[in-house]
C-alpha atoms as a PDB file:
ATOM      1  CA  MET A   1     -19.891  96.438   9.767  1.00  0.00           C
ATOM      2  CA  GLU A   2     -19.158  93.635   7.479  1.00  0.00           C
ATOM      3  CA  LYS A   3     -19.035  89.964   9.087  1.00  0.00           C
ATOM      4  CA  ASN A   4     -15.085  89.925   8.158  1.00  0.00           C
ATOM      5  CA  GLU A   5     -14.655  93.056   9.739  1.00  0.00           C
ATOM      6  CA  LYS A   6     -15.681  91.487  13.180  1.00  0.00           C
ATOM      7  CA  GLN A   7     -12.983  89.042  13.088  1.00  0.00           C
ATOM      8  CA  ALA A   8     -10.423  90.747  15.386  1.00  0.00           C
ATOM      9  CA  CYS A   9      -7.546  88.064  14.961  1.00  0.00           C
ATOM     10  CA  ALA A  10      -6.615  85.069  12.822  1.00  0.00           C
ATOM     11  CA  ILE A  11      -8.255  82.066  13.341  1.00  0.00           C
ATOM     12  CA  LYS A  12      -8.193  78.064  12.018  1.00  0.00           C
ATOM     13  CA  THR A  13     -11.432  78.061  10.139  1.00  0.00           C
ATOM     14  CA  SER A  14     -13.543  75.050   9.215  1.00  0.00           C
ATOM     15  CA  VAL A  15     -14.600  76.892   6.305  1.00  0.00           C
ATOM     16  CA  GLY A  16     -13.680  74.852   3.068  1.00  0.00           C
ATOM     17  CA  GLY A  17     -14.617  74.561  -0.792  1.00  0.00           C
ATOM     18  CA  GLN A  18     -14.090  73.034  -4.020  1.00  0.00           C
ATOM     19  CA  ALA A  19     -13.034  74.559  -7.449  1.00  0.00           C
ATOM     20  CA  LEU A  20     -15.675  74.192 -10.086  1.00  0.00           C
ATOM     21  CA  LEU A  21     -16.040  74.844 -13.892  1.00  0.00           C
ATOM     22  CA  GLU A  22     -15.991  78.701 -13.792  1.00  0.00           C
ATOM     23  CA  GLY A  23     -16.893  78.701 -10.229  1.00  0.00           C
ATOM     24  CA  ILE A  24     -16.314  77.778  -6.369  1.00  0.00           C
ATOM     25  CA  MET A  25     -18.395  75.929  -3.958  1.00  0.00           C
ATOM     26  CA  MET A  26     -17.917  76.985  -0.392  1.00  0.00           C
ATOM     27  CA  LYS A  27     -19.128  75.005   2.701  1.00  0.00           C
ATOM     28  CA  GLY A  28     -19.478  77.003   6.143  1.00  0.00           C
ATOM     29  CA  PRO A  29     -21.077  75.532   9.497  1.00  0.00           C
ATOM     30  CA  PHE A  30     -24.254  76.324   8.798  1.00  0.00           C
ATOM     31  CA  LYS A  31     -24.656  77.376   5.080  1.00  0.00           C
ATOM     32  CA  SER A  32     -23.171  76.403   1.781  1.00  0.00           C
ATOM     33  CA  ALA A  33     -22.948  78.437  -1.290  1.00  0.00           C
ATOM     34  CA  MET A  34     -21.973  78.000  -5.244  1.00  0.00           C
ATOM     35  CA  ALA A  35     -20.713  80.941  -7.142  1.00  0.00           C
ATOM     36  CA  VAL A  36     -20.265  80.615 -10.949  1.00  0.00           C
ATOM     37  CA  ARG A  37     -19.331  82.964 -13.591  1.00  0.00           C
ATOM     38  CA  LYS A  38     -22.062  83.166 -16.154  1.00  0.00           C
ATOM     39  CA  PRO A  39     -21.397  83.717 -20.151  1.00  0.00           C
ATOM     40  CA  ASP A  40     -22.625  87.171 -19.580  1.00  0.00           C
ATOM     41  CA  GLY A  41     -20.089  88.090 -17.145  1.00  0.00           C
ATOM     42  CA  GLY A  42     -22.208  88.070 -14.184  1.00  0.00           C
ATOM     43  CA  ILE A  43     -21.944  85.862 -11.139  1.00  0.00           C
ATOM     44  CA  ASP A  44     -24.713  83.267 -10.273  1.00  0.00           C
ATOM     45  CA  ILE A  45     -25.042  82.575  -6.442  1.00  0.00           C
ATOM     46  CA  SER A  46     -26.938  79.861  -5.011  1.00  0.00           C
ATOM     47  CA  THR A  47     -27.100  78.790  -1.366  1.00  0.00           C
ATOM     48  CA  TRP A  48     -28.431  75.974   1.060  1.00  0.00           C
ATOM     49  CA  ASP A  49     -28.327  74.694   4.342  1.00  0.00           C
ATOM     50  CA  THR A  50     -25.077  72.814   5.356  1.00  0.00           C
ATOM     51  CA  LYS A  51     -25.980  69.211   6.387  1.00  0.00           C
ATOM     52  CA  GLN A  52     -25.172  68.675  10.056  1.00  0.00           C
ATOM     53  CA  PRO A  53     -23.676  65.667  11.283  1.00  0.00           C
ATOM     54  CA  THR A  54     -25.402  63.426  13.623  1.00  0.00           C
ATOM     55  CA  GLY A  55     -25.226  60.273  15.455  1.00  0.00           C
ATOM     56  CA  ILE A  56     -22.438  58.050  14.015  1.00  0.00           C
ATOM     57  CA  ARG A  57     -21.446  60.676  11.645  1.00  0.00           C
ATOM     58  CA  LYS A  58     -19.869  62.666  14.741  1.00  0.00           C
ATOM     59  CA  VAL A  59     -17.774  59.717  15.756  1.00  0.00           C
ATOM     60  CA  PRO A  60     -13.847  60.169  15.421  1.00  0.00           C
ATOM     61  CA  PHE A  61     -12.509  57.868  12.792  1.00  0.00           C
ATOM     62  CA  ILE A  62     -15.739  57.135  11.396  1.00  0.00           C
ATOM     63  CA  ARG A  63     -17.046  60.302  10.495  1.00  0.00           C
ATOM     64  CA  GLY A  64     -14.238  60.838   7.934  1.00  0.00           C
ATOM     65  CA  THR A  65     -15.950  58.190   5.491  1.00  0.00           C
ATOM     66  CA  PHE A  66     -19.348  59.750   5.765  1.00  0.00           C
ATOM     67  CA  ASN A  67     -17.619  63.230   5.246  1.00  0.00           C
ATOM     68  CA  PHE A  68     -15.873  61.914   2.202  1.00  0.00           C
ATOM     69  CA  ILE A  69     -18.885  60.137   0.704  1.00  0.00           C
ATOM     70  CA  ASP A  70     -20.888  63.310   1.185  1.00  0.00           C
ATOM     71  CA  THR A  71     -18.085  65.593  -0.190  1.00  0.00           C
ATOM     72  CA  LEU A  72     -17.803  63.311  -3.251  1.00  0.00           C
ATOM     73  CA  ILE A  73     -21.772  63.644  -3.888  1.00  0.00           C
ATOM     74  CA  GLN A  74     -22.261  67.130  -3.343  1.00  0.00           C
ATOM     75  CA  GLY A  75     -19.067  68.228  -5.344  1.00  0.00           C
ATOM     76  CA  TYR A  76     -20.261  66.157  -8.372  1.00  0.00           C
ATOM     77  CA  ASN A  77     -23.544  67.615  -8.398  1.00  0.00           C
ATOM     78  CA  CYS A  78     -22.307  71.011  -8.095  1.00  0.00           C
ATOM     79  CA  LEU A  79     -19.596  70.460 -10.753  1.00  0.00           C
ATOM     80  CA  MET A  80     -22.384  69.719 -13.084  1.00  0.00           C
ATOM     81  CA  ARG A  81     -24.604  72.344 -12.140  1.00  0.00           C
ATOM     82  CA  SER A  82     -21.690  74.689 -12.894  1.00  0.00           C
ATOM     83  CA  ALA A  83     -21.165  73.231 -16.144  1.00  0.00           C
ATOM     84  CA  GLU A  84     -24.766  74.071 -16.923  1.00  0.00           C
ATOM     85  CA  ILE A  85     -24.490  77.829 -15.679  1.00  0.00           C
ATOM     86  CA  SER A  86     -21.212  78.605 -17.287  1.00  0.00           C
ATOM     87  CA  GLY A  87     -22.277  77.536 -20.744  1.00  0.00           C
ATOM     88  CA  GLN A  88     -19.764  74.510 -20.657  1.00  0.00           C
ATOM     89  CA  GLU A  89     -22.470  71.687 -20.866  1.00  0.00           C
ATOM     90  CA  GLU A  90     -21.741  69.515 -23.776  1.00  0.00           C
ATOM     91  CA  GLU A  91     -24.582  68.385 -26.078  1.00  0.00           C
ATOM     92  CA  PRO A  92     -26.014  64.972 -25.238  1.00  0.00           C
ATOM     93  CA  ASP A  93     -24.590  62.169 -27.224  1.00  0.00           C
ATOM     94  CA  LYS A  94     -26.687  59.499 -28.649  1.00  0.00           C
ATOM     95  CA  PHE A  95     -26.799  57.173 -25.380  1.00  0.00           C
ATOM     96  CA  GLU A  96     -27.851  60.186 -23.366  1.00  0.00           C
ATOM     97  CA  LEU A  97     -30.592  60.851 -25.824  1.00  0.00           C
ATOM     98  CA  TRP A  98     -31.495  57.095 -25.829  1.00  0.00           C
ATOM     99  CA  LEU A  99     -31.611  57.409 -21.901  1.00  0.00           C
ATOM    100  CA  ASN A 100     -33.996  60.661 -21.816  1.00  0.00           C
ATOM    101  CA  LYS A 101     -36.282  58.853 -24.358  1.00  0.00           C
ATOM    102  CA  VAL A 102     -36.613  55.743 -22.296  1.00  0.00           C
ATOM    103  CA  PHE A 103     -36.358  56.986 -18.656  1.00  0.00           C
ATOM    104  CA  GLY A 104     -37.384  60.475 -18.775  1.00  0.00           C
ATOM    105  CA  LYS A 105     -36.729  62.595 -16.111  1.00  0.00           C
ATOM    106  CA  ALA A 106     -34.816  59.689 -14.269  1.00  0.00           C
ATOM    107  CA  ALA A 107     -32.372  59.665 -17.225  1.00  0.00           C
ATOM    108  CA  GLY A 108     -29.931  62.166 -15.603  1.00  0.00           C
ATOM    109  CA  THR A 109     -29.774  60.042 -12.163  1.00  0.00           C
ATOM    110  CA  ILE A 110     -29.259  57.010 -14.088  1.00  0.00           C
ATOM    111  CA  PHE A 111     -26.612  58.389 -16.165  1.00  0.00           C
ATOM    112  CA  SER A 112     -24.749  59.751 -13.311  1.00  0.00           C
ATOM    113  CA  THR A 113     -24.806  56.416 -11.747  1.00  0.00           C
ATOM    114  CA  ILE A 114     -23.349  54.682 -14.524  1.00  0.00           C
ATOM    115  CA  VAL A 115     -20.710  57.354 -14.992  1.00  0.00           C
ATOM    116  CA  THR A 116     -19.945  56.841 -11.332  1.00  0.00           C
ATOM    117  CA  VAL A 117     -19.806  53.105 -11.357  1.00  0.00           C
ATOM    118  CA  ILE A 118     -17.496  52.912 -14.206  1.00  0.00           C
ATOM    119  CA  ALA A 119     -15.214  55.574 -12.569  1.00  0.00           C
ATOM    120  CA  ALA A 120     -15.076  53.678  -9.609  1.00  0.00           C
ATOM    121  CA  ALA A 121     -14.274  50.301 -11.309  1.00  0.00           C
ATOM    122  CA  LEU A 122     -11.456  52.376 -13.420  1.00  0.00           C
ATOM    123  CA  ALA A 123      -9.936  53.936 -10.090  1.00  0.00           C
ATOM    124  CA  ILE A 124     -10.132  50.570  -8.262  1.00  0.00           C
ATOM    125  CA  GLY A 125      -8.294  48.935 -11.354  1.00  0.00           C
ATOM    126  CA  LEU A 126      -5.834  51.572 -11.569  1.00  0.00           C
ATOM    127  CA  PHE A 127      -5.177  52.371  -7.894  1.00  0.00           C
ATOM    128  CA  PHE A 128      -5.770  48.835  -6.125  1.00  0.00           C
ATOM    129  CA  GLY A 129      -5.381  46.320  -9.206  1.00  0.00           C
ATOM    130  CA  LEU A 130      -2.305  47.573 -10.822  1.00  0.00           C
ATOM    131  CA  PRO A 131      -0.112  48.090  -7.761  1.00  0.00           C
ATOM    132  CA  ALA A 132      -1.450  44.715  -6.382  1.00  0.00           C
ATOM    133  CA  VAL A 133      -0.318  42.922  -9.584  1.00  0.00           C
ATOM    134  CA  VAL A 134       2.956  44.496  -9.522  1.00  0.00           C
ATOM    135  CA  GLY A 135       3.586  43.703  -5.446  1.00  0.00           C
ATOM    136  CA  GLY A 136       2.469  40.243  -6.425  1.00  0.00           C
ATOM    137  CA  PHE A 137       5.294  40.097  -8.917  1.00  0.00           C
ATOM    138  CA  ALA A 138       7.799  41.577  -6.442  1.00  0.00           C
ATOM    139  CA  GLY A 139       6.740  39.309  -3.815  1.00  0.00           C
ATOM    140  CA  LYS A 140       8.452  36.491  -5.652  1.00  0.00           C
ATOM    141  CA  TYR A 141      11.703  38.308  -4.940  1.00  0.00           C
ATOM    142  CA  ILE A 142      10.931  40.096  -1.687  1.00  0.00           C
ATOM    143  CA  GLU A 143       9.376  38.296   1.477  1.00  0.00           C
ATOM    144  CA  SER A 144       8.647  41.579   3.637  1.00  0.00           C
ATOM    145  CA  LYS A 145       5.164  42.211   3.556  1.00  0.00           C
ATOM    146  CA  VAL A 146       6.106  45.945   4.857  1.00  0.00           C
ATOM    147  CA  ALA A 147       8.443  46.386   2.045  1.00  0.00           C
ATOM    148  CA  LEU A 148       5.848  44.922  -0.710  1.00  0.00           C
ATOM    149  CA  SER A 149       2.926  47.474   0.883  1.00  0.00           C
ATOM    150  CA  ALA A 150       5.632  50.078   0.469  1.00  0.00           C
ATOM    151  CA  ILE A 151       6.252  49.436  -3.134  1.00  0.00           C
ATOM    152  CA  GLU A 152       2.742  49.375  -3.658  1.00  0.00           C
ATOM    153  CA  GLY A 153       2.142  52.631  -1.777  1.00  0.00           C
ATOM    154  CA  VAL A 154       4.926  54.308  -4.052  1.00  0.00           C
ATOM    155  CA  ILE A 155       3.192  52.979  -7.096  1.00  0.00           C
ATOM    156  CA  LYS A 156      -0.089  54.693  -6.245  1.00  0.00           C
ATOM    157  CA  ILE A 157       1.329  57.865  -5.369  1.00  0.00           C
ATOM    158  CA  ALA A 158       3.397  57.913  -8.700  1.00  0.00           C
ATOM    159  CA  LEU A 159       0.247  57.184 -10.567  1.00  0.00           C
ATOM    160  CA  PHE A 160      -1.658  59.890  -8.505  1.00  0.00           C
ATOM    161  CA  PHE A 161       1.028  62.223  -9.470  1.00  0.00           C
ATOM    162  CA  ILE A 162       0.961  61.496 -13.147  1.00  0.00           C
ATOM    163  CA  TYR A 163      -2.564  61.688 -13.339  1.00  0.00           C
ATOM    164  CA  ILE A 164      -2.889  65.195 -11.814  1.00  0.00           C
ATOM    165  CA  ILE A 165       0.242  66.608 -13.681  1.00  0.00           C
ATOM    166  CA  GLY A 166      -1.242  65.391 -16.999  1.00  0.00           C
ATOM    167  CA  VAL A 167      -4.933  66.571 -16.566  1.00  0.00           C
ATOM    168  CA  SER A 168      -3.229  70.014 -15.338  1.00  0.00           C
ATOM    169  CA  LYS A 169      -2.146  70.609 -18.898  1.00  0.00           C
ATOM    170  CA  MET A 170      -5.761  70.775 -20.182  1.00  0.00           C
ATOM    171  CA  GLU A 171      -7.081  74.125 -20.764  1.00  0.00           C
ATOM    172  CA  ASP A 172     -10.418  73.640 -18.697  1.00  0.00           C
ATOM    173  CA  ILE A 173      -8.558  71.945 -15.767  1.00  0.00           C
ATOM    174  CA  HIS A 174      -5.735  74.357 -15.588  1.00  0.00           C
ATOM    175  CA  ARG A 175      -8.510  77.057 -15.270  1.00  0.00           C
ATOM    176  CA  THR A 176     -10.439  75.058 -12.673  1.00  0.00           C
ATOM    177  CA  PHE A 177      -6.733  74.789 -10.522  1.00  0.00           C
ATOM    178  CA  MET A 178      -6.622  78.715 -10.940  1.00  0.00           C
ATOM    179  CA  TYR A 179     -10.298  78.788  -9.186  1.00  0.00           C
ATOM    180  CA  HIS A 180      -8.832  76.225  -6.784  1.00  0.00           C
ATOM    181  CA  GLY A 181      -6.125  78.977  -6.126  1.00  0.00           C
ATOM    182  CA  ALA A 182      -8.654  81.593  -5.506  1.00  0.00           C
ATOM    183  CA  GLU A 183     -10.593  79.442  -3.201  1.00  0.00           C
ATOM    184  CA  HIS A 184      -7.249  78.747  -0.791  1.00  0.00           C
ATOM    185  CA  LYS A 185      -6.527  82.614  -1.064  1.00  0.00           C
ATOM    186  CA  THR A 186      -9.826  83.698  -0.098  1.00  0.00           C
ATOM    187  CA  ILE A 187     -10.162  81.296   2.974  1.00  0.00           C
ATOM    188  CA  PHE A 188      -6.734  82.455   4.064  1.00  0.00           C
ATOM    189  CA  CYS A 189      -7.831  86.138   3.972  1.00  0.00           C
ATOM    190  CA  TYR A 190     -10.792  85.256   6.123  1.00  0.00           C
ATOM    191  CA  GLU A 191      -8.521  83.322   8.663  1.00  0.00           C
ATOM    192  CA  GLN A 192      -6.251  86.383   9.010  1.00  0.00           C
ATOM    193  CA  GLY A 193      -9.017  88.590   9.813  1.00  0.00           C
ATOM    194  CA  LEU A 194      -9.011  90.717   6.618  1.00  0.00           C
ATOM    195  CA  GLU A 195     -11.429  92.473   4.773  1.00  0.00           C
ATOM    196  CA  LEU A 196     -12.567  90.326   1.748  1.00  0.00           C
ATOM    197  CA  THR A 197     -11.594  92.395  -1.063  1.00  0.00           C
ATOM    198  CA  VAL A 198      -9.969  91.349  -4.396  1.00  0.00           C
ATOM    199  CA  GLU A 199      -6.831  93.049  -3.262  1.00  0.00           C
ATOM    200  CA  ASN A 200      -6.463  91.554   0.251  1.00  0.00           C
ATOM    201  CA  VAL A 201      -7.196  87.966  -1.375  1.00  0.00           C
ATOM    202  CA  ARG A 202      -4.525  88.512  -4.089  1.00  0.00           C
ATOM    203  CA  LYS A 203      -1.901  88.948  -1.518  1.00  0.00           C
ATOM    204  CA  GLN A 204      -2.446  85.659   0.347  1.00  0.00           C
ATOM    205  CA  LYS A 205      -0.771  82.183  -0.285  1.00  0.00           C
ATOM    206  CA  ARG A 206      -2.591  79.492  -2.277  1.00  0.00           C
ATOM    207  CA  PHE A 207      -1.279  76.454  -0.438  1.00  0.00           C
ATOM    208  CA  HIS A 208      -3.624  75.242   2.148  1.00  0.00           C
ATOM    209  CA  PRO A 209      -3.072  72.457   4.901  1.00  0.00           C
ATOM    210  CA  ARG A 210      -6.780  71.431   4.572  1.00  0.00           C
ATOM    211  CA  CYS A 211      -6.750  71.036   1.019  1.00  0.00           C
ATOM    212  CA  GLY A 212      -8.299  67.941  -0.735  1.00  0.00           C
ATOM    213  CA  THR A 213      -4.920  67.205  -2.455  1.00  0.00           C
ATOM    214  CA  SER A 214      -3.198  67.083   0.796  1.00  0.00           C
ATOM    215  CA  PHE A 215      -5.997  64.503   2.170  1.00  0.00           C
ATOM    216  CA  MET A 216      -5.686  62.481  -0.939  1.00  0.00           C
ATOM    217  CA  LEU A 217      -1.774  62.074  -0.223  1.00  0.00           C
ATOM    218  CA  ILE A 218      -2.223  61.455   3.287  1.00  0.00           C
ATOM    219  CA  VAL A 219      -4.727  58.652   2.254  1.00  0.00           C
ATOM    220  CA  LEU A 220      -2.165  57.032  -0.125  1.00  0.00           C
ATOM    221  CA  ILE A 221       0.423  57.137   2.838  1.00  0.00           C
ATOM    222  CA  VAL A 222      -1.682  55.927   5.242  1.00  0.00           C
ATOM    223  CA  SER A 223      -2.748  53.078   2.989  1.00  0.00           C
ATOM    224  CA  ILE A 224       0.740  51.851   2.864  1.00  0.00           C
ATOM    225  CA  LEU A 225       0.589  51.219   6.716  1.00  0.00           C
ATOM    226  CA  VAL A 226      -2.946  49.740   6.804  1.00  0.00           C
ATOM    227  CA  SER A 227      -2.279  47.370   3.727  1.00  0.00           C
ATOM    228  CA  SER A 228       0.800  46.074   5.521  1.00  0.00           C
ATOM    229  CA  VAL A 229      -1.679  43.920   7.735  1.00  0.00           C
ATOM    230  CA  ILE A 230      -2.965  42.055   4.416  1.00  0.00           C
ATOM    231  CA  THR A 231      -0.794  39.218   3.758  1.00  0.00           C
ATOM    232  CA  TRP A 232      -2.595  37.107   1.269  1.00  0.00           C
ATOM    233  CA  ASP A 233      -0.709  36.428  -1.932  1.00  0.00           C
ATOM    234  CA  ASN A 234      -3.723  35.887  -4.055  1.00  0.00           C
ATOM    235  CA  VAL A 235      -4.073  39.181  -6.050  1.00  0.00           C
ATOM    236  CA  LEU A 236      -7.838  39.369  -6.348  1.00  0.00           C
ATOM    237  CA  ILE A 237      -8.196  38.664  -2.389  1.00  0.00           C
ATOM    238  CA  ARG A 238      -5.454  41.563  -1.744  1.00  0.00           C
ATOM    239  CA  VAL A 239      -7.535  43.913  -4.097  1.00  0.00           C
ATOM    240  CA  VAL A 240     -10.902  43.222  -2.275  1.00  0.00           C
ATOM    241  CA  LEU A 241      -9.482  43.380   1.227  1.00  0.00           C
ATOM    242  CA  LYS A 242      -7.849  46.671   0.338  1.00  0.00           C
ATOM    243  CA  VAL A 243     -10.904  47.892  -0.978  1.00  0.00           C
ATOM    244  CA  LEU A 244     -12.880  46.754   2.161  1.00  0.00           C
ATOM    245  CA  MET A 245     -10.137  48.556   4.346  1.00  0.00           C
ATOM    246  CA  LEU A 246     -10.836  51.897   2.720  1.00  0.00           C
ATOM    247  CA  PRO A 247     -13.189  53.059   5.245  1.00  0.00           C
ATOM    248  CA  ILE A 248     -10.509  52.528   7.958  1.00  0.00           C
ATOM    249  CA  THR A 249      -7.777  54.451   5.831  1.00  0.00           C
ATOM    250  CA  VAL A 250     -10.150  57.229   5.090  1.00  0.00           C
ATOM    251  CA  GLY A 251     -11.181  57.547   8.702  1.00  0.00           C
ATOM    252  CA  ILE A 252      -7.514  57.752   9.938  1.00  0.00           C
ATOM    253  CA  SER A 253      -6.836  60.159   7.107  1.00  0.00           C
ATOM    254  CA  TYR A 254      -9.489  62.541   8.039  1.00  0.00           C
ATOM    255  CA  GLU A 255      -8.586  62.772  11.486  1.00  0.00           C
ATOM    256  CA  ILE A 256      -5.084  63.533  10.409  1.00  0.00           C
ATOM    257  CA  ILE A 257      -5.912  66.356   8.137  1.00  0.00           C
ATOM    258  CA  LYS A 258      -8.376  67.945  10.599  1.00  0.00           C
ATOM    259  CA  PHE A 259      -5.387  67.697  13.200  1.00  0.00           C
ATOM    260  CA  ALA A 260      -3.116  69.450  10.874  1.00  0.00           C
ATOM    261  CA  GLY A 261      -5.755  71.988   9.997  1.00  0.00           C
ATOM    262  CA  ARG A 262      -6.174  72.878  13.782  1.00  0.00           C
ATOM    263  CA  HIS A 263      -2.600  72.852  14.597  1.00  0.00           C
ATOM    264  CA  ASP A 264       0.688  74.677  13.711  1.00  0.00           C
ATOM    265  CA  ASN A 265       3.821  72.855  14.938  1.00  0.00           C
ATOM    266  CA  TRP A 266       6.828  70.894  13.872  1.00  0.00           C
ATOM    267  CA  PHE A 267       4.795  67.687  13.649  1.00  0.00           C
ATOM    268  CA  THR A 268       1.811  69.298  11.544  1.00  0.00           C
ATOM    269  CA  LYS A 269       4.217  70.685   9.358  1.00  0.00           C
ATOM    270  CA  ILE A 270       5.978  67.667   8.487  1.00  0.00           C
ATOM    271  CA  ILE A 271       2.507  66.094   7.561  1.00  0.00           C
ATOM    272  CA  SER A 272       1.416  68.851   5.697  1.00  0.00           C
ATOM    273  CA  ALA A 273       4.710  69.332   3.728  1.00  0.00           C
ATOM    274  CA  PRO A 274       3.925  66.977   0.781  1.00  0.00           C
ATOM    275  CA  GLY A 275       0.256  68.032   0.175  1.00  0.00           C
ATOM    276  CA  LEU A 276       1.299  71.693   0.199  1.00  0.00           C
ATOM    277  CA  TRP A 277       4.276  70.899  -2.096  1.00  0.00           C
ATOM    278  CA  PHE A 278       1.824  69.151  -4.538  1.00  0.00           C
ATOM    279  CA  GLN A 279      -0.326  71.818  -4.551  1.00  0.00           C
ATOM    280  CA  ASN A 280       2.059  73.666  -6.892  1.00  0.00           C
ATOM    281  CA  PHE A 281       0.410  71.643  -9.427  1.00  0.00           C
ATOM    282  CA  THR A 282      -3.366  71.412  -8.338  1.00  0.00           C
ATOM    283  CA  THR A 283      -3.688  75.237  -7.447  1.00  0.00           C
ATOM    284  CA  GLN A 284      -2.626  78.213  -9.886  1.00  0.00           C
ATOM    285  CA  GLU A 285      -2.528  81.846  -9.368  1.00  0.00           C
ATOM    286  CA  PRO A 286      -6.016  83.223 -10.055  1.00  0.00           C
ATOM    287  CA  ASP A 287      -6.960  86.280 -11.824  1.00  0.00           C
ATOM    288  CA  ASP A 288      -9.184  89.078 -10.525  1.00  0.00           C
ATOM    289  CA  SER A 289     -12.232  87.843 -11.900  1.00  0.00           C
ATOM    290  CA  MET A 290     -11.849  84.471 -10.352  1.00  0.00           C
ATOM    291  CA  ILE A 291     -10.888  86.161  -6.872  1.00  0.00           C
ATOM    292  CA  GLU A 292     -14.502  87.693  -7.322  1.00  0.00           C
ATOM    293  CA  VAL A 293     -16.068  84.728  -7.764  1.00  0.00           C
ATOM    294  CA  ALA A 294     -14.482  83.062  -4.697  1.00  0.00           C
ATOM    295  CA  ILE A 295     -15.453  86.182  -2.607  1.00  0.00           C
ATOM    296  CA  ALA A 296     -18.944  85.715  -3.718  1.00  0.00           C
ATOM    297  CA  ALA A 297     -18.937  82.052  -2.688  1.00  0.00           C
ATOM    298  CA  VAL A 298     -17.640  82.606   0.552  1.00  0.00           C
ATOM    299  CA  THR A 299     -19.250  85.331   1.922  1.00  0.00           C
ATOM    300  CA  PRO A 300     -22.991  83.921   2.385  1.00  0.00           C
ATOM    301  CA  VAL A 301     -21.369  80.882   4.480  1.00  0.00           C
ATOM    302  CA  LEU A 302     -19.521  82.906   6.946  1.00  0.00           C
ATOM    303  CA  PRO A 303     -21.488  83.115  10.212  1.00  0.00           C
ATOM    304  CA  GLU A 304     -22.150  86.324  12.032  1.00  0.00           C
ATOM    305  CA  ASN A 305     -19.785  85.074  14.870  1.00  0.00           C
ATOM    306  CA  PRO A 306     -16.317  84.163  13.745  1.00  0.00           C
ATOM    307  CA  GLU A 307     -15.835  81.772  16.444  1.00  0.00           C
ATOM    308  CA  ASP A 308     -18.869  79.573  15.111  1.00  0.00           C
ATOM    309  CA  ALA A 309     -16.549  78.882  11.973  1.00  0.00           C
ATOM    310  CA  ALA A 310     -13.361  78.093  14.346  1.00  0.00           C
ATOM    311  CA  TYR A 311     -11.982  74.517  13.963  1.00  0.00           C
END
């Protein structure tokens, strides 16, 4: 009997994943896997042990930051690997060739670090610096710190919306969002206790309350409340303090998204509503070949006992 046939009733599962380039990464309680569609039409599947949290990494409101960092690192590595497997890796430019010549095997790590630092700097400038500048200007006319924090929060959310909607128009990103939809549908199928077949997965909804999109929106909303305690008028100090308080924001947001994923009531529906709505942009209906990849990715990570995957 198959693993998914042993599941007698619907459950809330901790299994989650990430869409890649022509593929999907799934993370289960004990195993993680990545499935990528190869240029010849086959599916490349790789598995590894899921890193188990220990010590402080298990403490509520602290674990969220560690989990977020681990997810970013693993997600980036899987994304780069999926580009290689799917044949979408670009030819190295002159800078990459120079790094390879000078640093040899360490060039890849150095290049990834440079890209990450630049991306982080741009993100801080866009989502912290720009709203703080606008908030500083508005502060000349508005005395309420809560109102100013709300204005900055609205700007962050608007920038996030514009960015996501903009990149969704790109062909490669649109296909990735289709894989994102396949990921959600496959997890829903498993949670409903149904056999993991293309036909069963296709019938499922593609909007999931534990999605990373929902998490990012919650982070932005929580940041409005957390940032309201920052009263410094100096823009640079405000930006630095908000960056330093990011672990607090992420920690609170992580516990909220876990609570929403574990429960189904009026409160969690209100919490999940904005993220579920926004998934209209970050997920798209997948085709059957994408669903096949999602099933290939999730199957190896499902435990023998479905209760081990329960939230």
